[in-house]
Amino acid sequence: MKLLAKRYRFRHWAKRLAFFCFDLAGMLLSLPFRLGRKPLEPERIQRILVVRIDHIGDVVMTRPALTALHKRFPNAAIDLLVAADIAPLLEDAREIRGLIPMRHSWFNRRSQGLDQIREFFSLASALRARHYDLGIDFRGDLRNILLMTAGGVREKFAYTGTGGGFLLREARLDDRQAHQVQWNLDLIAPLHVPQAAGLVPFTYSEERKKDFWARFQRDLAPAAKPRIVMHAGAGYPSKRWPGVKYYDLIKRLDQEAIAQVVLIGTEEEKKLLPTADGFSDQVLDLRGKTKLLDLPVLLDTCDLYVGNDSGPAHIAAAQGLEAVVLFSGTNQPDQWRPWSDQVHLVTHPVPCSPCEAMVCPLKHHDCMEGIAVDLVYAKIREILKHRQTAQGAG
């Protein structure tokens, strides 16, 4: 059972055993085909499919590997299968030839099973028409591997934490000891790709930039004080610092008049803060007004990011913005933190970490409740003071 626990990502032993039997049967049935398989010929790779249909942060941390693929195969067309709501963020990405948006992925909590099944077969048909030479699933999910197989992708690379290794050219054990950026690069190391040094900034067209400023120029007039962009949301409740603490932090920053604060988030995330009223005009509430594709433009105008471990935090890191990230005990920071030396983590260590839960299973949520407003405020002041000193010296 210890061997199965290392091989499969599932927590329950019965699932590990079931998928081991599935893999064993698949390996035996596919053995004749595998014995006759020809060596991989990199020079013949003309079309590459990359599958990354989960979350914003995962996409951000995959871009160094995408860039490495593009450098290794400069003449190949690289298409990215990505969640439909994330796709606009990548419209100007130089390393991608085309985007294939998926509306009803298995990671979309708003999608129904029947919609997911229909889209699976629709996408498989579309992929077969494109004749991909190489497919890479950076998550390592059996459903993604099955989609690439049904889509006729000739050679497939993926991690095998949920099974399906017999369907792959290159199957790697799901040993998540390295940071996700390096973990993604390790998967494609057999292709002799160059190693990337850091995250890749999101680029945007001049038209997108003009559209952003046409909508927000009045709100974001040049500020005499540093501009802090703040996001109180996160994908899971377990990753969120309490809204009342964000409110106290904003109130203190506003009263001290040390910075302009710009609140970002969705319309739904407005409920995470009790209210945005009672602040001066130095606190701008853009929640529900900005779109995901606006974030790179906005972040490029800011001096500091403050927020939870979330997609916008990873985008801020990619844009080279200094950031204060309140990191819960849900995941291991060494594996999942935004990949940048400019990121300052604020944590409250707890013995139950990492729990990998969407909601605190112990109900107390000490890993986030234990982070004091004073601690976060002091870190912000320290960074702003250092920036002021550096600018004065420059």
Foldseek 3Di string as FASTA:
>chain_A
DVVLVQQAVDDDVVLSVVQVVVQVVLLVVCVVVVVPDDDDDVVPFAEEEEEDAAFLLLVQLLVQVLVLVCVLVVRHAYEYEYAQQCVVLCPPPPSHNYYHHDDADPNDPVHDPVSNVVVLLVLLCVLLVVAGQEYEYLVQAVSVLVSCVSNNHNAYFGEPNNHDPSSHPHYHGPDQPAASSVSSNVRCVVSVTDGDDATAAGDDDPVLLVVLCVVCVVLCPPDPAAEEEEEQDAPFPLFGFQQDLVVVLVQVCQVVVRYQYEYEEEPVCCVSHVDPPPGDSSYHYCHNPDGPSCLSSVLLSGAEYEYELHSSQLNNVNSVHQYEYEYFLQADCNHRPNTHPSYHYDWDDDPCGNPVDRAPPVPPSCGNNVGHSVVVNVVVVVVSVVVVVVVVVD
